[in-house]
């Protein structure tokens, strides 16, 4: 059946079909005071995101639908406007989960995961010998 639809279409129509799975790229950076999670998710609104914390597991998800009606029924290819994803991360116990905050700017979702005071890296110091 797939061959029927792909046989006579130019390569441009057959090579870009969505596989249904989108796994957005994530950068995770650690500093002395916090972890920073950055995810590239352009084209969304802040209200599209769901960020949950449950038992030290941080979950980031979205679900968007595009309800666009086309009057022209003579299309060769039409794809439904639905997209979703979910990424989950197990947080270290050093994260102060009461102070987690998120920001979405220019297609980048940034989540700041501050460390607990006792887990913050202390600066090096010189110990004098007595």
C-alpha atoms as a PDB file:
ATOM      1  CA  UNK A   1       0.000   0.000   0.000  1.00  0.00           C
ATOM      2  CA  UNK A   2       2.843   2.421   0.840  1.00  0.00           C
ATOM      3  CA  UNK A   3       4.327   1.764  -2.584  1.00  0.00           C
ATOM      4  CA  UNK A   4       1.090   2.876  -4.204  1.00  0.00           C
ATOM      5  CA  UNK A   5       1.388   6.351  -2.658  1.00  0.00           C
ATOM      6  CA  UNK A   6       5.153   6.729  -3.039  1.00  0.00           C
ATOM      7  CA  UNK A   7       5.713   5.231  -6.496  1.00  0.00           C
ATOM      8  CA  UNK A   8       4.871   8.197  -8.730  1.00  0.00           C
ATOM      9  CA  UNK A   9       5.557  11.102  -6.372  1.00  0.00           C
ATOM     10  CA  UNK A  10       8.775  13.099  -6.617  1.00  0.00           C
ATOM     11  CA  UNK A  11      11.340  12.416  -3.886  1.00  0.00           C
ATOM     12  CA  UNK A  12      10.577  15.738  -2.183  1.00  0.00           C
ATOM     13  CA  UNK A  13       7.100  14.452  -1.283  1.00  0.00           C
ATOM     14  CA  UNK A  14       8.235  11.104   0.095  1.00  0.00           C
ATOM     15  CA  UNK A  15      11.429  11.908   1.963  1.00  0.00           C
ATOM     16  CA  UNK A  16      10.110  14.212   4.692  1.00  0.00           C
ATOM     17  CA  UNK A  17       7.205  12.350   6.258  1.00  0.00           C
ATOM     18  CA  UNK A  18       7.141  12.764  10.022  1.00  0.00           C
ATOM     19  CA  UNK A  19       7.850   9.535  11.882  1.00  0.00           C
ATOM     20  CA  UNK A  20       5.525  10.636  14.693  1.00  0.00           C
ATOM     21  CA  UNK A  21       8.299  10.913  17.288  1.00  0.00           C
ATOM     22  CA  UNK A  22       9.943  14.203  18.136  1.00  0.00           C
ATOM     23  CA  UNK A  23      12.753  14.183  20.658  1.00  0.00           C
ATOM     24  CA  UNK A  24      13.866  17.733  21.296  1.00  0.00           C
ATOM     25  CA  UNK A  25      17.539  18.340  22.026  1.00  0.00           C
ATOM     26  CA  UNK A  26      18.460  19.186  25.593  1.00  0.00           C
ATOM     27  CA  UNK A  27      21.525  20.845  27.107  1.00  0.00           C
ATOM     28  CA  UNK A  28      22.188  20.306  30.816  1.00  0.00           C
ATOM     29  CA  UNK A  29      24.821  22.433  32.513  1.00  0.00           C
ATOM     30  CA  UNK A  30      26.031  22.282  36.111  1.00  0.00           C
ATOM     31  CA  UNK A  31      27.480  25.216  38.007  1.00  0.00           C
ATOM     32  CA  UNK A  32      28.509  25.486  41.639  1.00  0.00           C
ATOM     33  CA  UNK A  33      25.015  26.740  42.566  1.00  0.00           C
ATOM     34  CA  UNK A  34      22.598  25.057  40.167  1.00  0.00           C
ATOM     35  CA  UNK A  35      21.799  22.873  37.182  1.00  0.00           C
ATOM     36  CA  UNK A  36      20.426  24.515  34.026  1.00  0.00           C
ATOM     37  CA  UNK A  37      18.278  22.556  31.582  1.00  0.00           C
ATOM     38  CA  UNK A  38      17.800  24.150  28.154  1.00  0.00           C
ATOM     39  CA  UNK A  39      15.543  22.655  25.498  1.00  0.00           C
ATOM     40  CA  UNK A  40      15.157  23.942  21.942  1.00  0.00           C
ATOM     41  CA  UNK A  41      11.395  23.977  21.211  1.00  0.00           C
ATOM     42  CA  UNK A  42      10.657  26.772  18.726  1.00  0.00           C
ATOM     43  CA  UNK A  43       7.188  27.722  17.577  1.00  0.00           C
ATOM     44  CA  UNK A  44       5.366  27.092  20.858  1.00  0.00           C
ATOM     45  CA  UNK A  45       3.810  29.350  23.474  1.00  0.00           C
ATOM     46  CA  UNK A  46       4.486  29.288  27.213  1.00  0.00           C
ATOM     47  CA  UNK A  47       0.976  27.957  27.742  1.00  0.00           C
ATOM     48  CA  UNK A  48       1.758  24.875  25.586  1.00  0.00           C
ATOM     49  CA  UNK A  49       4.182  23.470  28.189  1.00  0.00           C
ATOM     50  CA  UNK A  50       3.449  21.249  31.151  1.00  0.00           C
ATOM     51  CA  UNK A  51       6.316  20.954  33.633  1.00  0.00           C
ATOM     52  CA  UNK A  52       5.756  18.582  36.528  1.00  0.00           C
ATOM     53  CA  UNK A  53       7.881  17.332  39.409  1.00  0.00           C
ATOM     54  CA  UNK A  54       6.891  14.024  40.964  1.00  0.00           C
ATOM     55  CA  UNK A  55       9.146  12.068  43.304  1.00  0.00           C
ATOM     56  CA  UNK A  56      12.364  13.692  42.005  1.00  0.00           C
ATOM     57  CA  UNK A  57      11.341  13.153  38.355  1.00  0.00           C
ATOM     58  CA  UNK A  58      11.050  16.334  36.280  1.00  0.00           C
ATOM     59  CA  UNK A  59       8.739  15.907  33.256  1.00  0.00           C
ATOM     60  CA  UNK A  60       8.443  18.376  30.395  1.00  0.00           C
ATOM     61  CA  UNK A  61       5.628  17.827  27.915  1.00  0.00           C
ATOM     62  CA  UNK A  62       3.508  19.557  25.291  1.00  0.00           C
ATOM     63  CA  UNK A  63       0.519  18.707  23.197  1.00  0.00           C
ATOM     64  CA  UNK A  64      -0.552  20.951  20.347  1.00  0.00           C
ATOM     65  CA  UNK A  65      -3.239  20.561  17.715  1.00  0.00           C
ATOM     66  CA  UNK A  66      -3.664  22.557  14.546  1.00  0.00           C
ATOM     67  CA  UNK A  67      -7.302  22.817  13.511  1.00  0.00           C
ATOM     68  CA  UNK A  68      -6.943  24.288  10.052  1.00  0.00           C
ATOM     69  CA  UNK A  69      -9.637  23.486   7.523  1.00  0.00           C
ATOM     70  CA  UNK A  70      -8.708  23.484   3.864  1.00  0.00           C
ATOM     71  CA  UNK A  71     -11.401  24.087   1.287  1.00  0.00           C
ATOM     72  CA  UNK A  72      -9.355  22.529  -1.526  1.00  0.00           C
ATOM     73  CA  UNK A  73      -9.891  18.779  -1.511  1.00  0.00           C
ATOM     74  CA  UNK A  74      -7.550  18.085  -4.437  1.00  0.00           C
ATOM     75  CA  UNK A  75      -4.437  17.705  -2.318  1.00  0.00           C
ATOM     76  CA  UNK A  76      -1.720  15.183  -3.098  1.00  0.00           C
ATOM     77  CA  UNK A  77      -0.463  15.106   0.473  1.00  0.00           C
ATOM     78  CA  UNK A  78      -1.991  16.341   3.714  1.00  0.00           C
ATOM     79  CA  UNK A  79      -0.605  15.883   7.202  1.00  0.00           C
ATOM     80  CA  UNK A  80      -2.558  16.306  10.388  1.00  0.00           C
ATOM     81  CA  UNK A  81      -1.540  19.172  12.671  1.00  0.00           C
ATOM     82  CA  UNK A  82      -0.841  17.346  15.931  1.00  0.00           C
ATOM     83  CA  UNK A  83       2.400  17.254  17.869  1.00  0.00           C
ATOM     84  CA  UNK A  84       3.381  16.136  21.331  1.00  0.00           C
ATOM     85  CA  UNK A  85       6.438  15.141  23.270  1.00  0.00           C
ATOM     86  CA  UNK A  86       7.489  14.271  26.790  1.00  0.00           C
ATOM     87  CA  UNK A  87      10.964  14.245  28.285  1.00  0.00           C
ATOM     88  CA  UNK A  88      11.635  13.124  31.852  1.00  0.00           C
ATOM     89  CA  UNK A  89      14.732  13.517  34.003  1.00  0.00           C
ATOM     90  CA  UNK A  90      15.512  12.073  37.412  1.00  0.00           C
ATOM     91  CA  UNK A  91      16.865  14.919  39.512  1.00  0.00           C
ATOM     92  CA  UNK A  92      19.708  14.486  41.974  1.00  0.00           C
ATOM     93  CA  UNK A  93      18.783  14.852  45.639  1.00  0.00           C
ATOM     94  CA  UNK A  94      20.931  17.972  45.774  1.00  0.00           C
ATOM     95  CA  UNK A  95      18.279  20.015  43.886  1.00  0.00           C
ATOM     96  CA  UNK A  96      16.188  22.394  45.994  1.00  0.00           C
ATOM     97  CA  UNK A  97      12.843  21.577  44.378  1.00  0.00           C
ATOM     98  CA  UNK A  98      11.027  24.480  46.077  1.00  0.00           C
ATOM     99  CA  UNK A  99      13.119  26.975  44.094  1.00  0.00           C
ATOM    100  CA  UNK A 100      12.864  25.508  40.569  1.00  0.00           C
ATOM    101  CA  UNK A 101      11.776  28.036  37.949  1.00  0.00           C
ATOM    102  CA  UNK A 102      11.301  28.033  34.193  1.00  0.00           C
ATOM    103  CA  UNK A 103      11.502  30.598  31.408  1.00  0.00           C
ATOM    104  CA  UNK A 104      10.633  30.409  27.693  1.00  0.00           C
ATOM    105  CA  UNK A 105      12.313  32.929  25.388  1.00  0.00           C
ATOM    106  CA  UNK A 106      13.051  32.843  21.649  1.00  0.00           C
ATOM    107  CA  UNK A 107      12.224  29.146  21.292  1.00  0.00           C
ATOM    108  CA  UNK A 108      14.396  28.028  24.218  1.00  0.00           C
ATOM    109  CA  UNK A 109      12.830  26.582  27.366  1.00  0.00           C
ATOM    110  CA  UNK A 110      15.202  27.161  30.301  1.00  0.00           C
ATOM    111  CA  UNK A 111      14.684  25.491  33.665  1.00  0.00           C
ATOM    112  CA  UNK A 112      16.845  26.543  36.606  1.00  0.00           C
ATOM    113  CA  UNK A 113      17.342  23.836  39.219  1.00  0.00           C
ATOM    114  CA  UNK A 114      19.056  25.472  42.219  1.00  0.00           C
ATOM    115  CA  UNK A 115      21.111  23.290  44.542  1.00  0.00           C
ATOM    116  CA  UNK A 116      20.421  23.008  48.252  1.00  0.00           C
ATOM    117  CA  UNK A 117      22.737  25.162  50.373  1.00  0.00           C
ATOM    118  CA  UNK A 118      24.597  22.158  51.774  1.00  0.00           C
ATOM    119  CA  UNK A 119      25.223  20.829  48.253  1.00  0.00           C
ATOM    120  CA  UNK A 120      26.686  24.024  46.798  1.00  0.00           C
ATOM    121  CA  UNK A 121      30.359  23.846  45.972  1.00  0.00           C
ATOM    122  CA  UNK A 122      32.376  25.929  48.360  1.00  0.00           C
ATOM    123  CA  UNK A 123      35.338  27.949  47.079  1.00  0.00           C
ATOM    124  CA  UNK A 124      38.823  26.596  47.632  1.00  0.00           C
ATOM    125  CA  UNK A 125      40.591  27.918  50.702  1.00  0.00           C
ATOM    126  CA  UNK A 126      44.069  27.766  52.133  1.00  0.00           C
ATOM    127  CA  UNK A 127      44.544  25.913  55.409  1.00  0.00           C
ATOM    128  CA  UNK A 128      47.381  27.145  57.609  1.00  0.00           C
ATOM    129  CA  UNK A 129      49.479  24.632  59.473  1.00  0.00           C
ATOM    130  CA  UNK A 130      49.825  25.380  63.180  1.00  0.00           C
END
